[in-house]
């Protein structure tokens, strides 16, 4: 019954997504292609950027899932002991990670490919060449992630993190400096849209590098869409040859680097346990006193403070978690701090309204990705050790509330900072800035409560891989519920703006009190939706955690 419900839910959502994505993408592409002067140029560059980011996302997601499959799975101990060559293990783990990490991207790109075919009015040859090109791109990305994993795990040293952290700090400072550089902002506020567009496109030339596989996929799309099948076949065979060569190189590297890398990871575990035994609280009572003082200052009991510290350390010890979170929030920070440089006419109230609401939508969608990926499997990742939490001075319901306080507080602060930065970049009045910050703060807590509650209501304690946990029914339900919550909330927030815009177009006067009432009504609707999608599942999850029926699932 559960499998049928899972198939029905996923199938309905994917069907709805494919139809909606096809309609929206096709209309957007037609709008861009009809722009005078620079429409075809902008369309071509957007396709390059699209496949470039697909390529980057595939490398990151494959590295995360393949790395956990190679070095974090408990069954790798006996798999390494099997009479199998190491290259076979690496190849199978690479293909497994590719299947888990890439099927979503193939589904996402299918409506885009159909929309491009409709735009070019292409025949069947467009799809017969475009689909294998995407599959080759997926294969190259998966193998590239395996190369990076094997090399880093085998040769990485602890001191490497210092220059990496210094580079990240430099990027953040450079972004902040460019945000507050008034001279550049004034130069970009001119009326010459051609120069503004040239400045934007100049920074995307890396996406068109001829050695990138994503550029070859874009060339296949362009050539097959225009009927140049010889050129499209050439790039398709180039992708196929590189995909086969990537598999061969993965087998070669796996045969030489996998066992030393795996042995290094396994050797680090006893050393970490020994270090943890040396750092025990009874060996260093002064550290225990400092932690107790910190717990008193934060207003929490010692057990609550210890649970919070456990979750923080677990997060910091997982590079796949903080790495992806840092990447997403870093990209959003760069995007929000450079809104003025995108070439829009920010003197027009229409574009300010559209960009501000789309910016809120982008931040919430990115947040829903993080909550589904990391917050939903938190309760399930306690796994076979859940009984330890049951014996602790804290109840499971209190543990759930502490997890919500930690994740909701941190993510709410970060998303509010992003929205505040974008409001400054768009020069919004303080009333609109407070409006958007209050909305994103409520939605941050709502998304975290929804993901955490569904993770507690639909746990999977037998699966140690969080990627597999979110691939089940609970993860799919969390993703769909988060999407619906964001869609309804964004509609409720944008509806007062649309009503006011129509009233202004008709010449009707608007009083400040009426504007305030409309904004408060939008925030009230978001609060109601947060209670429905966040508070009710959270109440059900706390009610279930008060019983001990979890023990039968261990």
Protein backbone atom coordinates (compact mmCIF):
# COMPACT_ATOMS: atom_id res chain seq x y z
CA UNK A 1 0.00 0.00 0.00
CA UNK A 2 2.81 2.38 0.89
CA UNK A 3 4.60 1.64 -2.39
CA UNK A 4 1.45 2.34 -4.39
CA UNK A 5 0.90 5.60 -2.53
CA UNK A 6 4.53 6.53 -3.11
CA UNK A 7 4.29 5.83 -6.85
CA UNK A 8 1.00 7.72 -7.11
CA UNK A 9 2.33 10.73 -5.20
CA UNK A 10 5.59 10.93 -7.12
CA UNK A 11 3.90 10.31 -10.46
CA UNK A 12 1.25 12.99 -9.89
CA UNK A 13 3.79 15.55 -8.75
CA UNK A 14 6.19 14.83 -11.59
CA UNK A 15 3.39 14.99 -14.14
CA UNK A 16 2.21 18.33 -12.76
CA UNK A 17 5.76 19.62 -12.70
CA UNK A 18 6.48 18.57 -16.27
CA UNK A 19 3.39 20.32 -17.60
CA UNK A 20 3.96 23.50 -15.57
CA UNK A 21 7.68 23.61 -16.34
CA UNK A 22 7.09 23.12 -20.05
CA UNK A 23 4.53 25.94 -20.20
CA UNK A 24 6.63 28.39 -18.16
CA UNK A 25 9.94 27.61 -19.88
CA UNK A 26 8.47 27.71 -23.38
CA UNK A 27 6.82 31.07 -22.76
CA UNK A 28 9.98 32.46 -21.20
CA UNK A 29 12.12 31.33 -24.11
CA UNK A 30 9.69 32.78 -26.62
CA UNK A 31 9.69 36.10 -24.74
CA UNK A 32 13.49 36.24 -24.78
CA UNK A 33 13.79 35.20 -28.43
CA UNK A 34 11.39 37.99 -29.50
CA UNK A 35 13.51 40.71 -27.88
CA UNK A 36 14.93 43.08 -30.48
CA UNK A 37 18.68 43.28 -31.13
CA UNK A 38 20.02 41.00 -28.38
CA UNK A 39 17.25 38.36 -28.03
CA UNK A 40 19.02 35.48 -29.87
CA UNK A 41 22.34 36.33 -28.19
CA UNK A 42 20.78 36.30 -24.73
CA UNK A 43 18.95 33.04 -25.46
CA UNK A 44 22.15 31.34 -26.57
CA UNK A 45 24.03 32.53 -23.50
CA UNK A 46 21.24 31.35 -21.18
CA UNK A 47 21.46 27.85 -22.62
CA UNK A 48 25.22 27.79 -22.04
CA UNK A 49 24.73 28.95 -18.46
CA UNK A 50 21.95 26.41 -17.89
CA UNK A 51 24.03 23.38 -18.87
CA UNK A 52 27.10 24.77 -17.10
CA UNK A 53 25.22 24.91 -13.80
CA UNK A 54 23.74 21.48 -14.49
CA UNK A 55 27.31 20.22 -14.86
CA UNK A 56 28.45 21.85 -11.59
CA UNK A 57 25.41 20.58 -9.68
CA UNK A 58 25.97 17.06 -10.99
CA UNK A 59 29.61 17.04 -9.87
CA UNK A 60 28.69 18.23 -6.35
CA UNK A 61 25.73 15.89 -5.86
CA UNK A 62 27.59 12.88 -7.26
CA UNK A 63 30.60 13.61 -5.04
CA UNK A 64 28.33 13.72 -1.99
CA UNK A 65 26.47 10.48 -2.65
CA UNK A 66 29.42 8.53 -4.10
CA UNK A 67 31.67 9.62 -1.23
CA UNK A 68 29.21 8.33 1.34
CA UNK A 69 28.84 5.09 -0.59
CA UNK A 70 32.60 4.52 -0.84
CA UNK A 71 33.84 5.60 2.56
CA UNK A 72 30.89 5.91 4.96
CA UNK A 73 28.83 2.78 4.40
CA UNK A 74 29.30 0.01 6.95
CA UNK A 75 28.94 -2.71 4.33
CA UNK A 76 32.12 -1.50 2.60
CA UNK A 77 34.15 -3.47 5.16
CA UNK A 78 33.05 -6.82 3.78
CA UNK A 79 32.82 -5.53 0.20
CA UNK A 80 36.51 -4.64 0.30
CA UNK A 81 37.23 -8.15 1.59
CA UNK A 82 35.43 -9.78 -1.35
CA UNK A 83 37.54 -11.26 -4.18
CA UNK A 84 36.77 -8.32 -6.43
CA UNK A 85 39.18 -5.86 -8.01
CA UNK A 86 39.03 -2.41 -6.54
CA UNK A 87 38.22 -0.88 -9.90
CA UNK A 88 34.96 -2.85 -9.96
CA UNK A 89 33.96 -1.48 -6.56
CA UNK A 90 34.75 2.08 -7.61
CA UNK A 91 32.90 1.73 -10.91
CA UNK A 92 29.80 0.28 -9.28
CA UNK A 93 29.78 2.95 -6.57
CA UNK A 94 30.19 5.61 -9.26
CA UNK A 95 27.28 4.21 -11.27
CA UNK A 96 25.18 3.89 -8.11
CA UNK A 97 25.87 7.51 -7.17
CA UNK A 98 25.13 8.59 -10.73
CA UNK A 99 21.75 6.85 -10.65
CA UNK A 100 20.79 8.36 -7.29
CA UNK A 101 22.06 11.87 -7.99
CA UNK A 102 21.20 12.31 -11.66
CA UNK A 103 17.70 10.98 -12.17
CA UNK A 104 16.21 14.18 -10.74
CA UNK A 105 18.23 16.34 -13.09
CA UNK A 106 17.15 14.28 -16.09
CA UNK A 107 13.53 14.74 -15.06
CA UNK A 108 14.09 18.48 -14.53
CA UNK A 109 15.75 18.90 -17.91
CA UNK A 110 13.14 16.94 -19.90
CA UNK A 111 10.55 19.79 -20.06
CA UNK A 112 13.35 22.25 -20.88
CA UNK A 113 14.52 20.06 -23.75
CA UNK A 114 10.96 19.78 -25.10
CA UNK A 115 10.50 23.56 -24.80
CA UNK A 116 13.73 24.14 -26.73
CA UNK A 117 12.56 21.73 -29.42
CA UNK A 118 9.30 23.65 -29.73
CA UNK A 119 11.19 26.95 -29.93
CA UNK A 120 13.42 25.68 -32.74
CA UNK A 121 10.51 23.82 -34.35
CA UNK A 122 12.82 20.80 -34.48
CA UNK A 123 12.06 17.28 -35.58
CA UNK A 124 12.74 13.91 -33.94
CA UNK A 125 16.48 14.22 -34.63
CA UNK A 126 16.69 16.99 -32.05
CA UNK A 127 15.54 14.67 -29.27
CA UNK A 128 17.48 11.65 -30.57
CA UNK A 129 20.69 13.68 -30.28
CA UNK A 130 19.85 15.82 -27.24
CA UNK A 131 18.87 13.03 -24.83
CA UNK A 132 22.09 10.96 -25.31
CA UNK A 133 24.13 14.18 -24.95
CA UNK A 134 22.57 14.79 -21.53
CA UNK A 135 23.26 11.17 -20.55
CA UNK A 136 26.92 11.56 -21.54
CA UNK A 137 27.12 14.78 -19.50
CA UNK A 138 25.75 12.91 -16.50
CA UNK A 139 28.35 10.14 -16.96
CA UNK A 140 31.27 12.57 -17.25
CA UNK A 141 30.11 14.46 -14.14
CA UNK A 142 29.79 11.28 -12.07
CA UNK A 143 33.27 10.10 -13.03
CA UNK A 144 34.80 13.52 -12.41
CA UNK A 145 33.36 13.51 -8.90
CA UNK A 146 34.90 10.07 -8.27
CA UNK A 147 38.31 11.34 -9.40
CA UNK A 148 38.11 14.31 -7.06
CA UNK A 149 37.02 12.08 -4.17
CA UNK A 150 39.82 9.56 -4.60
CA UNK A 151 42.51 12.23 -4.97
CA UNK A 152 41.31 14.34 -2.06
CA UNK A 153 40.79 11.46 0.37
CA UNK A 154 44.13 9.94 -0.54
CA UNK A 155 46.27 13.09 -0.56
CA UNK A 156 44.43 15.78 1.42
CA UNK A 157 46.14 17.16 4.51
CA UNK A 158 44.61 19.03 7.47
CA UNK A 159 46.57 22.20 6.74
CA UNK A 160 44.85 22.45 3.33
CA UNK A 161 41.74 23.79 5.05
CA UNK A 162 43.52 27.00 6.08
CA UNK A 163 44.16 28.31 2.54
CA UNK A 164 40.70 27.13 1.49
CA UNK A 165 39.14 29.06 4.38
CA UNK A 166 41.30 32.08 3.53
CA UNK A 167 40.12 31.90 -0.09
CA UNK A 168 36.49 31.70 1.02
CA UNK A 169 36.96 34.70 3.32
CA UNK A 170 38.55 36.62 0.46
CA UNK A 171 35.58 35.86 -1.79
CA UNK A 172 33.12 37.02 0.88
CA UNK A 173 35.05 40.25 1.52
CA UNK A 174 35.31 40.91 -2.21
CA UNK A 175 31.57 40.42 -2.58
CA UNK A 176 30.84 42.80 0.28
CA UNK A 177 33.26 45.36 -1.12
CA UNK A 178 31.64 45.20 -4.55
CA UNK A 179 28.24 45.58 -2.91
CA UNK A 180 29.21 48.79 -1.14
CA UNK A 181 31.20 50.22 -4.08
CA UNK A 182 29.06 53.24 -4.90
CA UNK A 183 31.01 54.31 -7.95
CA UNK A 184 30.43 51.05 -9.77
CA UNK A 185 26.76 51.07 -8.84
CA UNK A 186 26.30 54.56 -10.21
CA UNK A 187 28.05 53.55 -13.42
CA UNK A 188 25.66 50.63 -13.88
CA UNK A 189 22.57 52.76 -13.23
CA UNK A 190 22.81 54.41 -16.64
CA UNK A 191 20.25 54.20 -19.40
CA UNK A 192 22.50 52.33 -21.85
CA UNK A 193 21.03 48.83 -21.67
CA UNK A 194 23.46 47.52 -24.29
CA UNK A 195 26.50 48.34 -22.18
CA UNK A 196 24.80 46.93 -19.08
CA UNK A 197 24.01 43.69 -20.91
CA UNK A 198 27.57 43.49 -22.20
CA UNK A 199 28.88 43.88 -18.66
CA UNK A 200 26.66 41.05 -17.46
CA UNK A 201 27.51 38.70 -20.34
CA UNK A 202 31.21 39.35 -19.91
CA UNK A 203 31.14 37.59 -16.55
CA UNK A 204 29.50 34.48 -18.04
CA UNK A 205 32.09 33.75 -20.70
CA UNK A 206 33.54 30.95 -18.56
CA UNK A 207 30.32 28.99 -19.20
CA UNK A 208 31.20 28.93 -22.93
CA UNK A 209 34.71 27.51 -22.55
CA UNK A 210 35.25 25.04 -25.43
CA UNK A 211 36.80 22.40 -23.13
CA UNK A 212 33.72 22.11 -20.90
CA UNK A 213 31.39 19.16 -21.58
CA UNK A 214 28.43 21.43 -20.86
CA UNK A 215 29.47 23.58 -23.84
CA UNK A 216 29.42 20.49 -26.07
CA UNK A 217 25.86 19.71 -24.94
CA UNK A 218 24.83 23.27 -25.75
CA UNK A 219 26.43 22.92 -29.18
CA UNK A 220 24.44 19.73 -29.78
CA UNK A 221 21.24 21.59 -28.87
CA UNK A 222 22.03 24.52 -31.17
CA UNK A 223 23.16 22.43 -34.11
CA UNK A 224 20.32 19.90 -33.99
CA UNK A 225 17.76 22.68 -33.47
CA UNK A 226 18.96 24.45 -36.60
CA UNK A 227 19.10 21.28 -38.68
CA UNK A 228 22.92 21.01 -38.71
CA UNK A 229 22.94 17.31 -37.90
CA UNK A 230 26.55 16.73 -39.00
CA UNK A 231 27.81 19.24 -36.46
CA UNK A 232 25.48 17.88 -33.80
CA UNK A 233 26.68 14.33 -34.48
CA UNK A 234 30.30 15.45 -34.14
CA UNK A 235 29.75 16.93 -30.69
CA UNK A 236 27.62 13.92 -29.68
CA UNK A 237 30.46 11.55 -30.52
CA UNK A 238 32.89 13.84 -28.70
CA UNK A 239 30.70 13.54 -25.59
CA UNK A 240 30.44 9.76 -26.01
CA UNK A 241 34.20 9.35 -26.43
CA UNK A 242 34.92 11.43 -23.34
CA UNK A 243 32.29 9.56 -21.32
CA UNK A 244 33.87 6.20 -22.22
CA UNK A 245 37.34 7.58 -21.52
CA UNK A 246 36.08 8.87 -18.15
CA UNK A 247 34.90 5.37 -17.21
CA UNK A 248 38.28 3.94 -18.20
CA UNK A 249 40.15 6.54 -16.16
CA UNK A 250 37.88 5.92 -13.17
CA UNK A 251 38.73 2.22 -13.29
CA UNK A 252 42.44 3.06 -13.51
CA UNK A 253 42.38 5.50 -10.60
CA UNK A 254 40.16 3.20 -8.55
CA UNK A 255 42.62 0.35 -8.95
CA UNK A 256 45.50 2.46 -7.63
CA UNK A 257 43.94 4.97 -5.21
CA UNK A 258 40.86 3.36 -3.69
CA UNK A 259 42.46 1.03 -1.16
CA UNK A 260 45.02 3.58 0.15
CA UNK A 261 42.23 6.14 0.46
CA UNK A 262 39.87 3.68 2.16
CA UNK A 263 42.63 2.50 4.51
CA UNK A 264 43.41 6.08 5.44
CA UNK A 265 39.75 6.74 6.33
CA UNK A 266 39.49 3.55 8.37
CA UNK A 267 42.76 4.29 10.19
CA UNK A 268 41.52 7.70 11.22
CA UNK A 269 38.55 6.25 13.13
CA UNK A 270 40.56 4.66 16.02
CA UNK A 271 42.68 7.80 16.26
CA UNK A 272 39.57 9.95 16.53
CA UNK A 273 38.17 7.69 19.25
CA UNK A 274 41.42 7.85 21.17
CA UNK A 275 41.45 11.63 20.90
CA UNK A 276 37.83 11.75 22.09
CA UNK A 277 38.77 9.60 25.10
CA UNK A 278 41.60 12.00 25.93
CA UNK A 279 39.23 14.98 25.67
CA UNK A 280 36.60 13.43 27.97
CA UNK A 281 35.00 15.79 30.47
CA UNK A 282 36.32 13.95 33.54
CA UNK A 283 39.92 14.40 32.29
CA UNK A 284 39.46 18.14 31.77
CA UNK A 285 37.01 19.45 34.39
CA UNK A 286 37.81 23.07 33.54
CA UNK A 287 36.23 22.60 30.10
CA UNK A 288 33.14 21.17 31.75
CA UNK A 289 32.86 24.24 33.99
CA UNK A 290 33.12 26.55 30.96
CA UNK A 291 30.39 24.60 29.17
CA UNK A 292 28.17 24.80 32.23
CA UNK A 293 28.68 28.56 32.33
CA UNK A 294 27.80 28.81 28.64
CA UNK A 295 24.66 26.78 29.28
CA UNK A 296 23.63 29.12 32.10
CA UNK A 297 24.20 32.19 29.94
CA UNK A 298 22.08 30.73 27.13
CA UNK A 299 19.22 29.97 29.54
CA UNK A 300 19.33 26.22 28.88
CA UNK A 301 19.91 23.30 31.15
CA UNK A 302 23.14 21.33 30.87
CA UNK A 303 21.47 18.42 29.10
CA UNK A 304 19.84 20.76 26.58
CA UNK A 305 23.12 22.55 25.99
CA UNK A 306 24.85 19.20 25.44
CA UNK A 307 22.21 18.17 22.87
CA UNK A 308 22.68 21.44 20.98
CA UNK A 309 26.47 21.04 20.99
CA UNK A 310 26.08 17.44 19.72
CA UNK A 311 24.06 18.59 16.70
CA UNK A 312 26.50 21.42 15.95
CA UNK A 313 29.51 19.10 16.09
CA UNK A 314 27.75 16.51 13.96
CA UNK A 315 27.09 19.18 11.34
CA UNK A 316 30.67 20.47 11.40
CA UNK A 317 32.11 16.96 11.09
CA UNK A 318 30.18 16.38 7.87
CA UNK A 319 31.83 18.31 5.01
CA UNK A 320 29.01 17.22 2.69
CA UNK A 321 26.52 19.13 4.84
CA UNK A 322 28.29 22.38 5.60
CA UNK A 323 29.95 22.37 2.17
CA UNK A 324 26.67 22.29 0.26
CA UNK A 325 25.05 24.76 2.66
CA UNK A 326 27.97 27.15 2.30
CA UNK A 327 27.84 26.84 -1.49
CA UNK A 328 24.11 27.56 -1.72
CA UNK A 329 24.12 30.49 0.70
CA UNK A 330 27.31 31.86 -0.89
CA UNK A 331 25.75 31.83 -4.35
CA UNK A 332 22.60 33.47 -3.00
CA UNK A 333 24.69 36.15 -1.27
CA UNK A 334 26.52 36.92 -4.51
CA UNK A 335 23.22 37.04 -6.38
CA UNK A 336 21.38 39.28 -3.90
CA UNK A 337 24.30 41.69 -3.50
CA UNK A 338 24.58 42.20 -7.28
CA UNK A 339 20.93 42.73 -8.21
CA UNK A 340 21.65 46.26 -9.39
CA UNK A 341 24.19 44.98 -11.89
CA UNK A 342 21.74 42.72 -13.76
CA UNK A 343 20.71 45.42 -16.22
CA UNK A 344 17.07 45.81 -15.14
CA UNK A 345 15.40 49.20 -15.05
CA UNK A 346 15.25 49.53 -11.29
CA UNK A 347 13.58 52.93 -11.63
CA UNK A 348 10.43 51.11 -12.78
CA UNK A 349 8.12 50.09 -9.90
CA UNK A 350 7.00 47.05 -11.90
CA UNK A 351 10.49 45.55 -12.10
CA UNK A 352 11.18 46.31 -8.44
CA UNK A 353 8.00 44.44 -7.43
CA UNK A 354 8.77 41.47 -9.70
CA UNK A 355 12.44 41.15 -8.69
CA UNK A 356 11.77 41.53 -4.95
CA UNK A 357 9.12 38.78 -4.93
CA UNK A 358 11.16 36.50 -7.20
CA UNK A 359 14.12 37.00 -4.90
CA UNK A 360 12.02 35.91 -1.93
CA UNK A 361 10.85 32.88 -3.92
CA UNK A 362 14.42 31.90 -4.83
CA UNK A 363 15.60 32.15 -1.22
CA UNK A 364 12.69 30.02 0.01
CA UNK A 365 13.19 27.38 -2.69
CA UNK A 366 16.89 27.14 -1.82
CA UNK A 367 15.95 26.85 1.85
CA UNK A 368 13.46 24.07 1.10
CA UNK A 369 16.23 22.19 -0.70
CA UNK A 370 18.45 22.40 2.38
CA UNK A 371 15.69 21.44 4.82
CA UNK A 372 14.66 18.43 2.75
CA UNK A 373 18.27 17.36 2.27
CA UNK A 374 19.59 17.88 5.81
CA UNK A 375 16.77 18.57 8.29
CA UNK A 376 14.36 15.83 7.25
CA UNK A 377 16.82 12.92 7.83
CA UNK A 378 18.08 14.30 11.18
CA UNK A 379 15.78 12.19 13.35
CA UNK A 380 16.31 9.08 11.23
CA UNK A 381 20.09 9.49 11.39
CA UNK A 382 19.98 8.87 15.14
CA UNK A 383 19.43 5.29 13.98
CA UNK A 384 20.23 2.45 16.30
CA UNK A 385 21.39 4.95 18.96
CA UNK A 386 17.94 6.40 19.52
CA UNK A 387 17.58 4.46 22.76
CA UNK A 388 20.50 6.47 24.17
CA UNK A 389 18.49 9.66 23.72
CA UNK A 390 15.56 7.87 25.34
CA UNK A 391 17.66 7.21 28.45
CA UNK A 392 19.01 10.77 28.62
CA UNK A 393 17.51 13.42 30.93
CA UNK A 394 15.79 14.90 27.87
CA UNK A 395 12.62 13.50 26.40
CA UNK A 396 12.43 12.88 22.66
CA UNK A 397 9.87 15.66 22.38
CA UNK A 398 12.34 18.08 23.97
CA UNK A 399 15.09 16.86 21.65
CA UNK A 400 12.80 17.59 18.71
CA UNK A 401 12.13 21.13 19.96
CA UNK A 402 15.86 21.77 20.44
CA UNK A 403 16.57 20.63 16.89
CA UNK A 404 13.90 23.00 15.62
CA UNK A 405 15.30 25.86 17.70
CA UNK A 406 18.80 25.31 16.35
CA UNK A 407 18.00 24.74 12.66
CA UNK A 408 15.20 27.30 12.47
CA UNK A 409 17.23 29.97 14.24
CA UNK A 410 20.33 29.59 12.10
CA UNK A 411 18.56 29.25 8.76
CA UNK A 412 16.10 31.99 9.64
CA UNK A 413 18.97 34.34 10.42
CA UNK A 414 20.79 33.52 7.17
CA UNK A 415 17.74 33.84 4.93
CA UNK A 416 16.69 37.06 6.64
CA UNK A 417 20.19 38.42 6.03
CA UNK A 418 19.91 37.50 2.35
CA UNK A 419 16.53 39.19 1.98
CA UNK A 420 17.77 42.26 3.86
CA UNK A 421 20.79 42.45 1.53
CA UNK A 422 18.60 42.20 -1.55
CA UNK A 423 16.28 44.89 -0.18
CA UNK A 424 19.26 47.21 0.27
CA UNK A 425 20.45 46.38 -3.23
CA UNK A 426 17.01 47.24 -4.65
CA UNK A 427 16.76 50.41 -2.48
CA UNK A 428 13.41 49.33 -1.06
CA UNK A 429 11.78 51.49 1.62
CA UNK A 430 12.08 50.27 5.16
CA UNK A 431 8.41 49.21 5.27
CA UNK A 432 8.91 46.80 2.37
CA UNK A 433 12.20 45.58 3.86
CA UNK A 434 10.49 44.74 7.16
CA UNK A 435 7.64 43.09 5.21
CA UNK A 436 9.95 40.74 3.30
CA UNK A 437 12.15 40.01 6.33
CA UNK A 438 9.12 39.08 8.46
CA UNK A 439 7.75 36.87 5.69
CA UNK A 440 10.99 34.98 5.10
CA UNK A 441 11.52 34.53 8.84
CA UNK A 442 8.11 32.88 9.26
CA UNK A 443 8.65 30.73 6.19
CA UNK A 444 12.09 29.66 7.46
CA UNK A 445 10.62 28.35 10.69
CA UNK A 446 7.71 26.81 8.79
CA UNK A 447 9.96 24.91 6.38
CA UNK A 448 12.23 23.69 9.18
CA UNK A 449 9.27 22.60 11.30
CA UNK A 450 7.72 20.79 8.32
CA UNK A 451 10.90 18.91 7.40
CA UNK A 452 11.78 18.00 10.99
CA UNK A 453 8.23 16.90 11.82
CA UNK A 454 7.83 14.70 8.76
CA UNK A 455 11.25 13.20 9.50
CA UNK A 456 10.02 12.27 12.98
CA UNK A 457 6.64 11.01 11.76
CA UNK A 458 8.10 8.93 8.89
CA UNK A 459 11.55 7.81 10.13
CA UNK A 460 13.86 5.25 8.58
CA UNK A 461 16.28 4.08 11.27
CA UNK A 462 17.72 1.20 9.25
CA UNK A 463 19.25 3.30 6.46
CA UNK A 464 22.51 5.12 7.30
CA UNK A 465 22.65 7.02 4.00
CA UNK A 466 20.63 10.28 4.17
CA UNK A 467 20.42 10.39 0.37
CA UNK A 468 18.46 7.12 0.43
CA UNK A 469 16.30 8.37 3.30
CA UNK A 470 15.10 11.41 1.38
CA UNK A 471 14.50 9.25 -1.70
CA UNK A 472 11.70 7.40 0.11
CA UNK A 473 8.08 8.30 0.63
CA UNK A 474 8.78 10.66 3.53
CA UNK A 475 11.39 12.68 1.63
CA UNK A 476 9.14 12.94 -1.42
CA UNK A 477 6.22 14.06 0.73
CA UNK A 478 8.46 16.63 2.43
CA UNK A 479 9.63 18.03 -0.90
CA UNK A 480 6.10 18.28 -2.30
CA UNK A 481 4.70 19.80 0.91
CA UNK A 482 7.51 22.37 1.03
CA UNK A 483 6.87 23.32 -2.59
CA UNK A 484 3.13 23.77 -1.98
CA UNK A 485 3.79 25.78 1.18
CA UNK A 486 6.16 28.12 -0.68
CA UNK A 487 3.76 28.42 -3.64
CA UNK A 488 0.75 29.34 -1.48
CA UNK A 489 2.77 31.72 0.71
CA UNK A 490 4.37 33.49 -2.25
CA UNK A 491 0.94 33.89 -3.85
CA UNK A 492 -0.49 35.35 -0.64
CA UNK A 493 2.39 37.83 -0.41
CA UNK A 494 2.24 38.88 -4.07
CA UNK A 495 -1.55 39.24 -4.25
CA UNK A 496 -1.69 42.62 -2.40
CA UNK A 497 1.06 43.95 -4.68
CA UNK A 498 -0.90 42.88 -7.77
CA UNK A 499 -4.09 44.51 -6.46
CA UNK A 500 -2.26 47.76 -5.73
CA UNK A 501 -0.58 47.72 -9.15
CA UNK A 502 -3.93 47.37 -10.92
CA UNK A 503 -5.39 50.13 -8.77
CA UNK A 504 -2.52 52.47 -9.61
CA UNK A 505 -2.87 51.65 -13.31
CA UNK A 506 -6.56 52.56 -13.10
CA UNK A 507 -5.72 55.85 -11.33
CA UNK A 508 -7.35 54.93 -8.02
CA UNK A 509 -5.84 56.53 -4.88
CA UNK A 510 -4.29 54.31 -2.21
CA UNK A 511 -4.11 55.41 1.40
CA UNK A 512 -1.19 54.34 3.65
CA UNK A 513 -3.62 52.67 6.04
CA UNK A 514 -5.03 50.53 3.22
CA UNK A 515 -1.52 49.53 2.13
CA UNK A 516 -0.67 48.58 5.73
CA UNK A 517 -3.83 46.49 6.05
CA UNK A 518 -3.07 44.66 2.79
CA UNK A 519 0.51 43.90 3.86
CA UNK A 520 -0.64 42.67 7.26
CA UNK A 521 -3.24 40.50 5.55
CA UNK A 522 -0.50 38.92 3.41
CA UNK A 523 1.66 38.29 6.47
CA UNK A 524 -1.38 36.89 8.30
CA UNK A 525 -1.97 34.46 5.43
CA UNK A 526 1.67 33.35 5.64
CA UNK A 527 1.28 32.89 9.40
CA UNK A 528 -1.83 30.76 8.85
CA UNK A 529 -0.05 28.64 6.23
CA UNK A 530 2.93 28.26 8.58
CA UNK A 531 0.58 26.93 11.26
CA UNK A 532 -1.00 24.49 8.81
CA UNK A 533 2.22 23.23 7.19
CA UNK A 534 4.55 23.64 10.18
CA UNK A 535 2.80 23.80 13.53
CA UNK A 536 0.28 20.99 12.99
CA UNK A 537 2.88 18.42 11.78
CA UNK A 538 5.17 19.57 14.60
CA UNK A 539 2.41 18.97 17.17
CA UNK A 540 1.75 15.50 15.73
CA UNK A 541 5.49 14.71 15.78
CA UNK A 542 5.86 15.78 19.42
CA UNK A 543 2.81 13.71 20.32
CA UNK A 544 4.33 10.64 18.73
CA UNK A 545 7.77 11.13 20.27
CA UNK A 546 6.22 11.05 23.75
CA UNK A 547 5.47 7.34 23.26
CA UNK A 548 8.01 4.53 22.96
CA UNK A 549 6.67 2.96 19.76
CA UNK A 550 9.86 4.10 18.00
CA UNK A 551 11.73 1.23 19.65
CA UNK A 552 9.95 -1.36 17.52
CA UNK A 553 11.42 0.25 14.37
CA UNK A 554 15.06 0.03 15.51
